[in-house]
Amino acid sequence: MTKWFDSNYHYLVPEIGPETVFSLSSERLVGEVAEGIAAGFVTRPVVVGPVTLLALAKASDDAPEGFDPLSRLEDVLPVYVELLAKLRAAGAGGCSWTSRRS
């Protein structure tokens, strides 16, 4: 665990290496969004983005010297696309630049 940007909040540091397999391991967030919508709430889940995730990660113990987790960005993007598609299908609200300008 480490501090989140010099705050009193802590997080588990992801350890990523060249062999790390990225996949959705849970549908919990999607289920919670669906539950909130069923209860009548407008939901806008907040998810740490892929660059932030990789920038805050550290190289796994098995990674070669000098390995940078950010080098795995192209590998993690499809998982984010999958998650966002599932959230949208569950009815999660959101905003876009076009709707903000209206």
Protein backbone atom coordinates (compact mmCIF):
# COMPACT_ATOMS: atom_id res chain seq x y z
CA MET A 1 0.00 0.00 0.00
CA THR A 2 1.08 3.54 -0.61
CA LYS A 3 -0.35 7.02 -0.16
CA TRP A 4 -2.57 8.49 -2.86
CA PHE A 5 -0.76 11.69 -3.91
CA ASP A 6 0.43 12.76 -0.43
CA SER A 7 -3.03 12.39 1.11
CA ASN A 8 -4.13 10.25 4.03
CA TYR A 9 -5.73 7.82 1.57
CA HIS A 10 -3.95 4.63 0.60
CA TYR A 11 -4.29 2.18 -2.27
CA LEU A 12 -2.90 -1.20 -3.24
CA VAL A 13 -0.19 -0.65 -5.83
CA PRO A 14 -0.80 -2.78 -8.93
CA GLU A 15 2.21 -4.83 -9.99
CA ILE A 16 2.41 -5.17 -13.75
CA GLY A 17 4.92 -7.00 -15.88
CA PRO A 18 5.32 -7.90 -19.54
CA GLU A 19 3.38 -11.14 -18.95
CA THR A 20 0.47 -9.61 -17.01
CA VAL A 21 -2.87 -10.62 -18.50
CA PHE A 22 -5.53 -7.91 -18.37
CA SER A 23 -9.19 -8.89 -18.04
CA LEU A 24 -12.33 -7.92 -16.16
CA SER A 25 -12.27 -9.96 -13.00
CA SER A 26 -15.62 -8.82 -11.66
CA GLU A 27 -18.95 -7.46 -12.84
CA ARG A 28 -19.57 -5.90 -9.43
CA LEU A 29 -19.50 -2.29 -10.63
CA VAL A 30 -21.86 -3.06 -13.51
CA GLY A 31 -24.23 -4.78 -11.07
CA GLU A 32 -24.14 -1.87 -8.66
CA VAL A 33 -24.92 0.56 -11.49
CA ALA A 34 -27.89 -1.58 -12.57
CA GLU A 35 -29.08 -1.78 -8.96
CA GLY A 36 -28.87 1.99 -8.56
CA ILE A 37 -30.79 2.58 -11.75
CA ALA A 38 -33.46 0.08 -10.67
CA ALA A 39 -33.80 2.08 -7.44
CA GLY A 40 -34.36 5.28 -9.45
CA PHE A 41 -30.92 6.88 -9.24
CA VAL A 42 -29.00 8.48 -12.09
CA THR A 43 -25.61 6.82 -12.01
CA ARG A 44 -22.29 8.14 -13.27
CA PRO A 45 -19.59 5.75 -12.11
CA VAL A 46 -16.08 7.12 -11.81
CA VAL A 47 -13.30 4.83 -12.97
CA VAL A 48 -9.57 5.47 -12.81
CA GLY A 49 -8.38 5.72 -16.39
CA PRO A 50 -5.87 3.41 -18.04
CA VAL A 51 -2.97 5.88 -18.05
CA THR A 52 -3.48 6.66 -14.36
CA LEU A 53 -3.68 2.95 -13.53
CA LEU A 54 -0.43 2.20 -15.32
CA ALA A 55 1.35 5.33 -14.11
CA LEU A 56 0.61 4.46 -10.49
CA ALA A 57 1.58 0.80 -10.95
CA LYS A 58 5.00 -0.65 -10.36
CA ALA A 59 6.92 -3.27 -12.28
CA SER A 60 6.36 -6.78 -10.99
CA ASP A 61 9.24 -8.67 -9.39
CA ASP A 62 9.49 -10.84 -12.53
CA ALA A 63 9.75 -7.85 -14.89
CA PRO A 64 13.08 -7.10 -16.53
CA GLU A 65 15.19 -4.20 -15.28
CA GLY A 66 13.81 -0.87 -16.51
CA PHE A 67 10.36 -2.22 -17.40
CA ASP A 68 7.74 0.54 -17.48
CA PRO A 69 4.11 -0.46 -16.82
CA LEU A 70 3.00 2.35 -19.18
CA SER A 71 4.39 0.26 -22.02
CA ARG A 72 1.32 -1.98 -21.58
CA LEU A 73 -1.19 0.77 -22.46
CA GLU A 74 -2.28 -0.80 -25.75
CA ASP A 75 -2.89 -4.11 -23.94
CA VAL A 76 -5.12 -2.62 -21.22
CA LEU A 77 -7.24 -0.40 -23.49
CA PRO A 78 -9.52 -3.20 -24.78
CA VAL A 79 -10.44 -4.07 -21.20
CA TYR A 80 -11.45 -0.47 -20.56
CA VAL A 81 -13.51 -0.48 -23.75
CA GLU A 82 -15.24 -3.66 -22.53
CA LEU A 83 -15.93 -2.17 -19.09
CA LEU A 84 -17.29 1.09 -20.46
CA ALA A 85 -19.52 -0.78 -22.93
CA LYS A 86 -20.94 -2.91 -20.09
CA LEU A 87 -21.54 0.17 -17.95
CA ARG A 88 -23.31 1.90 -20.81
CA ALA A 89 -25.43 -1.20 -21.51
CA ALA A 90 -26.37 -1.25 -17.80
CA GLY A 91 -27.66 2.31 -18.19
CA ALA A 92 -24.88 4.32 -16.59
CA GLY A 93 -25.24 8.01 -17.32
CA GLY A 94 -22.41 10.19 -18.39
CA CYS A 95 -21.60 13.34 -20.19
CA SER A 96 -19.86 14.19 -23.39
CA TRP A 97 -18.46 17.40 -24.72
CA THR A 98 -21.42 17.78 -27.05
CA SER A 99 -24.00 17.50 -24.26
CA ARG A 100 -22.04 19.91 -22.07
CA ARG A 101 -22.08 22.59 -24.76
CA SER A 102 -25.83 22.32 -25.31
